[in-house]
């Protein structure tokens, strides 16, 4: 499950990993970057493994929950609008099976998340998400200081 497709690189990596018969649900609110992502998926020969869903991700995640996908997803990657990180996380956690992983990108956000006085909205959203996940007893959490920060929450 890929929340926030943009250029399609994370969906592409997931589609290569799932192999034949696997499906990647790719959620993107905008059609703007759609063509670029589709081009690379086709070049890699994985376009049939990717179920692209255009529209607000929260609505799409709710539809997935309402249509029997709860506890069926192995892996979710969240890299979308940071203001909805907590809500994306909550829904993805319901979709992920026990032992499955919900990951979030940019969780260190240029190192600014350690500055409690930083007033940037994006930083505040990520701090809120980090705190929420850290306190969630339904998961074991690992934060990696690679790139811009990468958090893995493994569902108990």
N, C-alpha and C. Protein backbone atom coordinates (compact mmCIF):
# COMPACT_ATOMS: atom_id res chain seq x y z
N UNK A 1 0.86 -1.16 0.00
CA UNK A 1 0.00 0.00 0.00
C UNK A 1 0.90 1.22 0.00
N UNK A 2 0.73 2.08 -0.99
CA UNK A 2 1.58 3.26 -1.14
C UNK A 2 0.69 4.50 -1.07
N UNK A 3 0.81 5.25 0.01
CA UNK A 3 0.01 6.46 0.20
C UNK A 3 0.87 7.66 -0.20
N UNK A 4 0.60 8.20 -1.37
CA UNK A 4 1.36 9.31 -1.91
C UNK A 4 2.30 8.82 -3.00
N UNK A 5 1.83 8.74 -4.22
CA UNK A 5 2.59 8.14 -5.32
C UNK A 5 3.66 9.06 -5.89
N UNK A 6 3.32 10.31 -6.15
CA UNK A 6 4.20 11.29 -6.76
C UNK A 6 4.79 10.73 -8.06
N UNK A 7 6.07 10.47 -8.13
CA UNK A 7 6.69 9.98 -9.38
C UNK A 7 6.56 8.48 -9.57
N UNK A 8 6.08 7.78 -8.55
CA UNK A 8 5.85 6.35 -8.66
C UNK A 8 7.00 5.46 -8.25
N UNK A 9 8.07 6.03 -7.72
CA UNK A 9 9.24 5.20 -7.39
C UNK A 9 8.96 4.22 -6.25
N UNK A 10 8.22 4.63 -5.24
CA UNK A 10 7.94 3.72 -4.14
C UNK A 10 6.96 2.62 -4.57
N UNK A 11 5.99 2.96 -5.40
CA UNK A 11 5.08 1.95 -5.94
C UNK A 11 5.83 0.96 -6.82
N UNK A 12 6.75 1.47 -7.61
CA UNK A 12 7.56 0.63 -8.47
C UNK A 12 8.38 -0.36 -7.65
N UNK A 13 9.05 0.13 -6.62
CA UNK A 13 9.85 -0.75 -5.76
C UNK A 13 8.97 -1.82 -5.11
N UNK A 14 7.80 -1.42 -4.64
CA UNK A 14 6.89 -2.38 -4.01
C UNK A 14 6.40 -3.41 -5.02
N UNK A 15 6.07 -2.97 -6.23
CA UNK A 15 5.58 -3.89 -7.26
C UNK A 15 6.65 -4.90 -7.66
N UNK A 16 7.89 -4.47 -7.70
CA UNK A 16 8.98 -5.41 -7.99
C UNK A 16 9.13 -6.42 -6.85
N UNK A 17 8.92 -5.96 -5.62
CA UNK A 17 9.07 -6.83 -4.45
C UNK A 17 7.94 -7.85 -4.32
N UNK A 18 6.71 -7.47 -4.65
CA UNK A 18 5.58 -8.39 -4.45
C UNK A 18 5.59 -9.53 -5.46
N UNK A 19 6.19 -9.33 -6.59
CA UNK A 19 6.27 -10.38 -7.59
C UNK A 19 4.94 -10.66 -8.27
N UNK A 20 4.95 -11.69 -9.11
CA UNK A 20 3.75 -12.10 -9.85
C UNK A 20 2.63 -12.42 -8.87
N UNK A 21 1.43 -11.96 -9.17
CA UNK A 21 0.26 -12.24 -8.35
C UNK A 21 0.06 -11.27 -7.20
N UNK A 22 1.05 -10.43 -6.94
CA UNK A 22 0.91 -9.45 -5.87
C UNK A 22 0.29 -8.17 -6.40
N UNK A 23 -0.27 -7.39 -5.49
CA UNK A 23 -0.89 -6.11 -5.86
C UNK A 23 -0.40 -5.01 -4.94
N UNK A 24 -0.11 -3.87 -5.55
CA UNK A 24 0.24 -2.67 -4.80
C UNK A 24 -0.90 -1.69 -5.00
N UNK A 25 -1.52 -1.27 -3.91
CA UNK A 25 -2.53 -0.22 -3.97
C UNK A 25 -1.78 1.10 -3.88
N UNK A 26 -1.86 1.89 -4.93
CA UNK A 26 -1.15 3.16 -5.01
C UNK A 26 -2.15 4.30 -4.94
N UNK A 27 -2.07 5.11 -3.89
CA UNK A 27 -3.04 6.18 -3.65
C UNK A 27 -2.41 7.53 -3.93
N UNK A 28 -3.05 8.28 -4.79
CA UNK A 28 -2.54 9.61 -5.16
C UNK A 28 -3.72 10.53 -5.34
N UNK A 29 -3.64 11.73 -4.78
CA UNK A 29 -4.77 12.66 -4.89
C UNK A 29 -4.82 13.36 -6.24
N UNK A 30 -3.69 13.46 -6.91
CA UNK A 30 -3.61 14.25 -8.13
C UNK A 30 -3.29 13.40 -9.34
N UNK A 31 -3.86 13.76 -10.47
CA UNK A 31 -3.51 13.10 -11.73
C UNK A 31 -2.24 13.68 -12.33
N UNK A 32 -1.74 14.77 -11.73
CA UNK A 32 -0.61 15.52 -12.28
C UNK A 32 0.62 14.66 -12.58
N UNK A 33 1.01 13.81 -11.64
CA UNK A 33 2.23 13.02 -11.80
C UNK A 33 1.94 11.62 -12.31
N UNK A 34 0.70 11.35 -12.54
CA UNK A 34 0.23 10.05 -12.97
C UNK A 34 0.97 9.49 -14.18
N UNK A 35 1.15 10.31 -15.19
CA UNK A 35 1.78 9.84 -16.43
C UNK A 35 3.22 9.42 -16.22
N UNK A 36 3.97 10.18 -15.43
CA UNK A 36 5.35 9.82 -15.16
C UNK A 36 5.43 8.47 -14.45
N UNK A 37 4.61 8.30 -13.43
CA UNK A 37 4.60 7.04 -12.69
C UNK A 37 4.24 5.88 -13.61
N UNK A 38 3.19 6.03 -14.38
CA UNK A 38 2.75 4.96 -15.28
C UNK A 38 3.83 4.59 -16.30
N UNK A 39 4.56 5.60 -16.77
CA UNK A 39 5.64 5.35 -17.74
C UNK A 39 6.68 4.41 -17.14
N UNK A 40 7.12 4.71 -15.93
CA UNK A 40 8.16 3.89 -15.30
C UNK A 40 7.64 2.52 -14.89
N UNK A 41 6.39 2.45 -14.48
CA UNK A 41 5.80 1.15 -14.16
C UNK A 41 5.77 0.27 -15.40
N UNK A 42 5.40 0.86 -16.53
CA UNK A 42 5.34 0.10 -17.79
C UNK A 42 6.74 -0.35 -18.22
N UNK A 43 7.71 0.55 -18.11
CA UNK A 43 9.08 0.20 -18.49
C UNK A 43 9.60 -0.97 -17.67
N UNK A 44 9.21 -1.03 -16.42
CA UNK A 44 9.65 -2.11 -15.53
C UNK A 44 8.78 -3.37 -15.68
N UNK A 45 7.68 -3.24 -16.42
CA UNK A 45 6.80 -4.39 -16.63
C UNK A 45 5.95 -4.75 -15.42
N UNK A 46 5.65 -3.77 -14.58
CA UNK A 46 4.88 -4.05 -13.36
C UNK A 46 3.54 -3.33 -13.30
N UNK A 47 3.14 -2.66 -14.39
CA UNK A 47 1.93 -1.85 -14.35
C UNK A 47 0.69 -2.65 -13.98
N UNK A 48 0.66 -3.93 -14.28
CA UNK A 48 -0.52 -4.75 -13.95
C UNK A 48 -0.57 -5.13 -12.47
N UNK A 49 0.52 -4.92 -11.78
CA UNK A 49 0.56 -5.21 -10.34
C UNK A 49 0.13 -4.01 -9.50
N UNK A 50 -0.03 -2.86 -10.14
CA UNK A 50 -0.32 -1.62 -9.40
C UNK A 50 -1.75 -1.18 -9.65
N UNK A 51 -2.50 -1.07 -8.57
CA UNK A 51 -3.89 -0.61 -8.60
C UNK A 51 -3.87 0.87 -8.17
N UNK A 52 -3.79 1.77 -9.16
CA UNK A 52 -3.72 3.21 -8.89
C UNK A 52 -5.11 3.74 -8.60
N UNK A 53 -5.22 4.42 -7.47
CA UNK A 53 -6.50 5.00 -7.07
C UNK A 53 -6.30 6.50 -6.87
N UNK A 54 -6.98 7.27 -7.72
CA UNK A 54 -6.86 8.72 -7.69
C UNK A 54 -7.97 9.29 -6.81
N UNK A 55 -7.60 10.19 -5.91
CA UNK A 55 -8.56 10.84 -5.03
C UNK A 55 -7.95 11.04 -3.66
N UNK A 56 -8.70 11.67 -2.76
CA UNK A 56 -8.19 11.89 -1.41
C UNK A 56 -7.89 10.55 -0.71
N UNK A 57 -6.68 10.42 -0.21
CA UNK A 57 -6.23 9.15 0.37
C UNK A 57 -7.08 8.72 1.57
N UNK A 58 -7.50 9.66 2.39
CA UNK A 58 -8.32 9.28 3.55
C UNK A 58 -9.60 8.60 3.10
N UNK A 59 -10.22 9.13 2.06
CA UNK A 59 -11.45 8.53 1.53
C UNK A 59 -11.16 7.15 0.94
N UNK A 60 -10.07 7.04 0.22
CA UNK A 60 -9.72 5.76 -0.39
C UNK A 60 -9.42 4.71 0.67
N UNK A 61 -8.70 5.10 1.71
CA UNK A 61 -8.40 4.17 2.80
C UNK A 61 -9.69 3.72 3.49
N UNK A 62 -10.61 4.65 3.71
CA UNK A 62 -11.91 4.29 4.30
C UNK A 62 -12.66 3.30 3.42
N UNK A 63 -12.64 3.54 2.11
CA UNK A 63 -13.31 2.61 1.18
C UNK A 63 -12.67 1.22 1.25
N UNK A 64 -11.37 1.20 1.35
CA UNK A 64 -10.69 -0.09 1.47
C UNK A 64 -11.11 -0.82 2.74
N UNK A 65 -11.22 -0.08 3.84
CA UNK A 65 -11.68 -0.69 5.10
C UNK A 65 -13.11 -1.18 4.98
N UNK A 66 -13.94 -0.41 4.29
CA UNK A 66 -15.36 -0.76 4.13
C UNK A 66 -15.58 -1.92 3.18
N UNK A 67 -14.59 -2.25 2.37
CA UNK A 67 -14.76 -3.30 1.36
C UNK A 67 -13.92 -4.54 1.64
N UNK A 68 -13.61 -4.77 2.91
CA UNK A 68 -13.00 -6.03 3.30
C UNK A 68 -11.49 -6.13 3.27
N UNK A 69 -10.80 -5.02 3.23
CA UNK A 69 -9.33 -5.08 3.18
C UNK A 69 -8.67 -5.01 4.56
N UNK A 70 -9.46 -4.88 5.62
CA UNK A 70 -8.89 -4.81 6.96
C UNK A 70 -8.06 -6.06 7.25
N UNK A 71 -6.88 -5.88 7.83
CA UNK A 71 -5.98 -6.97 8.20
C UNK A 71 -5.50 -7.80 7.01
N UNK A 72 -5.40 -7.20 5.83
CA UNK A 72 -4.97 -7.96 4.65
C UNK A 72 -3.68 -7.45 4.02
N UNK A 73 -3.23 -6.29 4.40
CA UNK A 73 -2.07 -5.66 3.77
C UNK A 73 -0.80 -6.04 4.53
N UNK A 74 0.27 -6.33 3.79
CA UNK A 74 1.55 -6.69 4.40
C UNK A 74 2.38 -5.48 4.78
N UNK A 75 2.32 -4.45 3.93
CA UNK A 75 3.24 -3.32 4.07
C UNK A 75 2.57 -2.05 3.57
N UNK A 76 2.68 -0.99 4.34
CA UNK A 76 2.15 0.31 3.92
C UNK A 76 3.26 1.36 4.04
N UNK A 77 3.35 2.19 3.01
CA UNK A 77 4.35 3.26 2.98
C UNK A 77 3.61 4.58 2.85
N UNK A 78 3.84 5.48 3.80
CA UNK A 78 3.16 6.77 3.82
C UNK A 78 4.18 7.88 3.54
N UNK A 79 3.93 8.60 2.45
CA UNK A 79 4.76 9.76 2.10
C UNK A 79 3.85 10.72 1.34
N UNK A 80 2.92 11.30 2.07
CA UNK A 80 1.93 12.20 1.48
C UNK A 80 1.88 13.45 2.34
N UNK A 81 0.76 14.19 2.23
CA UNK A 81 0.68 15.45 2.99
C UNK A 81 0.83 15.17 4.49
N UNK A 82 1.78 15.85 5.08
CA UNK A 82 2.17 15.58 6.46
C UNK A 82 1.07 15.92 7.47
N UNK A 83 0.17 16.82 7.12
CA UNK A 83 -0.93 17.18 8.01
C UNK A 83 -1.88 16.03 8.29
N UNK A 84 -1.87 15.02 7.45
CA UNK A 84 -2.74 13.85 7.64
C UNK A 84 -1.98 12.59 8.04
N UNK A 85 -0.71 12.74 8.40
CA UNK A 85 0.09 11.56 8.74
C UNK A 85 -0.56 10.70 9.83
N UNK A 86 -1.07 11.30 10.89
CA UNK A 86 -1.67 10.51 11.97
C UNK A 86 -2.90 9.76 11.45
N UNK A 87 -3.73 10.43 10.68
CA UNK A 87 -4.94 9.78 10.16
C UNK A 87 -4.61 8.69 9.14
N UNK A 88 -3.62 8.93 8.30
CA UNK A 88 -3.17 7.88 7.37
C UNK A 88 -2.66 6.68 8.16
N UNK A 89 -1.86 6.95 9.16
CA UNK A 89 -1.29 5.89 9.99
C UNK A 89 -2.40 5.05 10.63
N UNK A 90 -3.39 5.70 11.23
CA UNK A 90 -4.48 4.97 11.90
C UNK A 90 -5.18 4.03 10.94
N UNK A 91 -5.48 4.52 9.75
CA UNK A 91 -6.20 3.69 8.78
C UNK A 91 -5.30 2.58 8.21
N UNK A 92 -4.07 2.92 7.93
CA UNK A 92 -3.14 1.91 7.42
C UNK A 92 -2.94 0.81 8.45
N UNK A 93 -2.87 1.16 9.72
CA UNK A 93 -2.69 0.16 10.77
C UNK A 93 -3.87 -0.82 10.80
N UNK A 94 -5.06 -0.34 10.53
CA UNK A 94 -6.23 -1.23 10.45
C UNK A 94 -6.14 -2.15 9.23
N UNK A 95 -5.58 -1.65 8.16
CA UNK A 95 -5.47 -2.43 6.93
C UNK A 95 -4.36 -3.48 7.00
N UNK A 96 -3.32 -3.19 7.77
CA UNK A 96 -2.16 -4.08 7.85
C UNK A 96 -2.46 -5.26 8.77
N UNK A 97 -2.02 -6.43 8.34
CA UNK A 97 -2.20 -7.66 9.13
C UNK A 97 -1.25 -7.66 10.32
N UNK A 98 -1.49 -8.56 11.28
CA UNK A 98 -0.57 -8.72 12.40
C UNK A 98 0.80 -9.10 11.84
N UNK A 99 1.83 -8.43 12.30
CA UNK A 99 3.18 -8.66 11.79
C UNK A 99 3.51 -7.81 10.58
N UNK A 100 2.50 -7.12 10.05
CA UNK A 100 2.71 -6.22 8.92
C UNK A 100 3.35 -4.92 9.39
N UNK A 101 3.79 -4.14 8.43
CA UNK A 101 4.55 -2.94 8.75
C UNK A 101 3.92 -1.70 8.12
N UNK A 102 3.79 -0.65 8.92
CA UNK A 102 3.40 0.67 8.43
C UNK A 102 4.65 1.54 8.53
N UNK A 103 5.04 2.14 7.42
CA UNK A 103 6.23 2.99 7.41
C UNK A 103 5.84 4.42 7.04
N UNK A 104 6.61 5.35 7.55
CA UNK A 104 6.40 6.77 7.26
C UNK A 104 7.74 7.38 6.88
N UNK A 105 7.72 8.19 5.84
CA UNK A 105 8.92 8.86 5.37
C UNK A 105 9.00 10.27 5.95
N UNK A 106 10.19 10.81 5.98
CA UNK A 106 10.45 12.20 6.40
C UNK A 106 10.21 12.44 7.89
N UNK A 107 10.36 11.44 8.73
CA UNK A 107 10.01 11.58 10.14
C UNK A 107 11.07 12.31 10.97
N UNK A 108 12.18 12.67 10.37
CA UNK A 108 13.15 13.53 11.04
C UNK A 108 13.12 14.95 10.47
N UNK A 109 12.55 15.11 9.33
CA UNK A 109 12.38 16.36 8.61
C UNK A 109 13.53 17.35 8.81
N UNK A 110 14.62 17.03 8.15
CA UNK A 110 15.82 17.91 8.16
C UNK A 110 16.37 18.13 9.57
N UNK A 111 16.05 17.22 10.48
CA UNK A 111 16.50 17.36 11.86
C UNK A 111 15.68 18.34 12.69
N UNK A 112 14.71 18.98 12.07
CA UNK A 112 13.94 20.02 12.75
C UNK A 112 12.97 19.48 13.80
N UNK A 113 12.64 18.19 13.74
CA UNK A 113 11.65 17.64 14.67
C UNK A 113 12.13 17.64 16.11
N UNK A 114 13.43 17.79 16.34
CA UNK A 114 13.92 17.82 17.72
C UNK A 114 13.85 19.22 18.33
N UNK A 115 13.49 20.19 17.51
CA UNK A 115 13.39 21.58 17.96
C UNK A 115 11.94 21.88 18.35
N UNK A 116 11.66 21.85 19.64
CA UNK A 116 10.29 22.10 20.12
C UNK A 116 9.83 23.53 19.83
N UNK A 117 10.77 24.42 19.57
CA UNK A 117 10.42 25.81 19.30
C UNK A 117 10.18 26.09 17.81
N UNK A 118 10.42 25.10 16.98
CA UNK A 118 10.20 25.29 15.54
C UNK A 118 8.71 25.48 15.28
N UNK A 119 8.37 26.51 14.55
CA UNK A 119 6.95 26.82 14.34
C UNK A 119 6.45 26.42 12.95
N UNK A 120 7.27 25.75 12.16
CA UNK A 120 6.84 25.32 10.83
C UNK A 120 5.72 24.29 10.94
N UNK A 121 4.66 24.47 10.17
CA UNK A 121 3.51 23.56 10.23
C UNK A 121 3.91 22.11 9.96
N UNK A 122 4.71 21.91 8.93
CA UNK A 122 5.10 20.55 8.57
C UNK A 122 5.83 19.88 9.72
N UNK A 123 6.71 20.61 10.38
CA UNK A 123 7.45 20.06 11.52
C UNK A 123 6.49 19.68 12.64
N UNK A 124 5.54 20.54 12.93
CA UNK A 124 4.55 20.26 13.98
C UNK A 124 3.74 19.00 13.66
N UNK A 125 3.34 18.86 12.39
CA UNK A 125 2.58 17.67 11.98
C UNK A 125 3.40 16.40 12.18
N UNK A 126 4.66 16.47 11.80
CA UNK A 126 5.51 15.28 11.94
C UNK A 126 5.81 14.99 13.40
N UNK A 127 6.03 16.01 14.21
CA UNK A 127 6.21 15.80 15.65
C UNK A 127 4.99 15.12 16.25
N UNK A 128 3.81 15.57 15.84
CA UNK A 128 2.56 14.97 16.33
C UNK A 128 2.48 13.50 15.92
N UNK A 129 2.81 13.21 14.69
CA UNK A 129 2.77 11.82 14.21
C UNK A 129 3.79 10.96 14.96
N UNK A 130 5.00 11.47 15.11
CA UNK A 130 6.03 10.72 15.83
C UNK A 130 5.59 10.40 17.25
N UNK A 131 5.03 11.38 17.93
CA UNK A 131 4.56 11.18 19.30
C UNK A 131 3.42 10.16 19.35
N UNK A 132 2.49 10.29 18.42
CA UNK A 132 1.35 9.38 18.38
C UNK A 132 1.82 7.94 18.20
N UNK A 133 2.71 7.73 17.25
CA UNK A 133 3.18 6.37 16.96
C UNK A 133 4.02 5.84 18.11
N UNK A 134 4.85 6.69 18.67
CA UNK A 134 5.67 6.26 19.81
C UNK A 134 4.82 5.75 20.96
N UNK A 135 3.65 6.36 21.15
CA UNK A 135 2.76 5.99 22.26
C UNK A 135 1.74 4.91 21.90
N UNK A 136 1.78 4.41 20.68
CA UNK A 136 0.81 3.41 20.24
C UNK A 136 1.26 2.02 20.70
N UNK A 137 0.50 1.43 21.63
CA UNK A 137 0.89 0.12 22.15
C UNK A 137 0.51 -1.04 21.24
N UNK A 138 -0.07 -0.74 20.07
CA UNK A 138 -0.42 -1.79 19.11
C UNK A 138 0.74 -2.13 18.17
N UNK A 139 1.85 -1.40 18.33
CA UNK A 139 2.99 -1.60 17.44
C UNK A 139 4.32 -1.57 18.19
N UNK A 140 5.31 -2.18 17.56
CA UNK A 140 6.71 -1.98 17.95
C UNK A 140 7.26 -1.00 16.94
N UNK A 141 8.05 -0.02 17.40
CA UNK A 141 8.47 1.08 16.53
C UNK A 141 9.99 1.14 16.41
N UNK A 142 10.42 1.44 15.20
CA UNK A 142 11.83 1.66 14.91
C UNK A 142 11.93 2.90 14.05
N UNK A 143 12.74 3.87 14.48
CA UNK A 143 12.98 5.06 13.66
C UNK A 143 14.42 5.01 13.18
N UNK A 144 14.58 5.09 11.88
CA UNK A 144 15.91 5.05 11.28
C UNK A 144 16.33 6.46 10.88
N UNK A 145 17.56 6.78 11.15
CA UNK A 145 18.05 8.11 10.80
C UNK A 145 18.76 8.06 9.44
N UNK A 146 18.07 7.50 8.47
CA UNK A 146 18.57 7.49 7.10
C UNK A 146 17.75 8.49 6.29
N UNK A 147 18.38 9.08 5.31
CA UNK A 147 17.67 10.07 4.50
C UNK A 147 17.12 11.17 5.39
N UNK A 148 15.83 11.39 5.28
CA UNK A 148 15.15 12.42 6.06
C UNK A 148 14.36 11.81 7.22
N UNK A 149 14.72 10.59 7.57
CA UNK A 149 14.05 9.87 8.66
C UNK A 149 13.00 8.92 8.12
N UNK A 150 13.02 7.71 8.65
CA UNK A 150 12.13 6.65 8.18
C UNK A 150 11.66 5.88 9.41
N UNK A 151 10.36 5.85 9.63
CA UNK A 151 9.80 5.16 10.79
C UNK A 151 9.08 3.90 10.36
N UNK A 152 9.33 2.83 11.09
CA UNK A 152 8.67 1.55 10.84
C UNK A 152 7.88 1.16 12.09
N UNK A 153 6.60 0.90 11.89
CA UNK A 153 5.74 0.44 12.99
C UNK A 153 5.25 -0.95 12.63
N UNK A 154 5.65 -1.93 13.46
CA UNK A 154 5.29 -3.32 13.19
C UNK A 154 4.11 -3.69 14.08
N UNK A 155 3.02 -4.09 13.45
CA UNK A 155 1.77 -4.38 14.16
C UNK A 155 1.91 -5.65 14.98
N UNK A 156 1.60 -5.53 16.27
CA UNK A 156 1.67 -6.68 17.20
C UNK A 156 0.51 -7.63 16.96
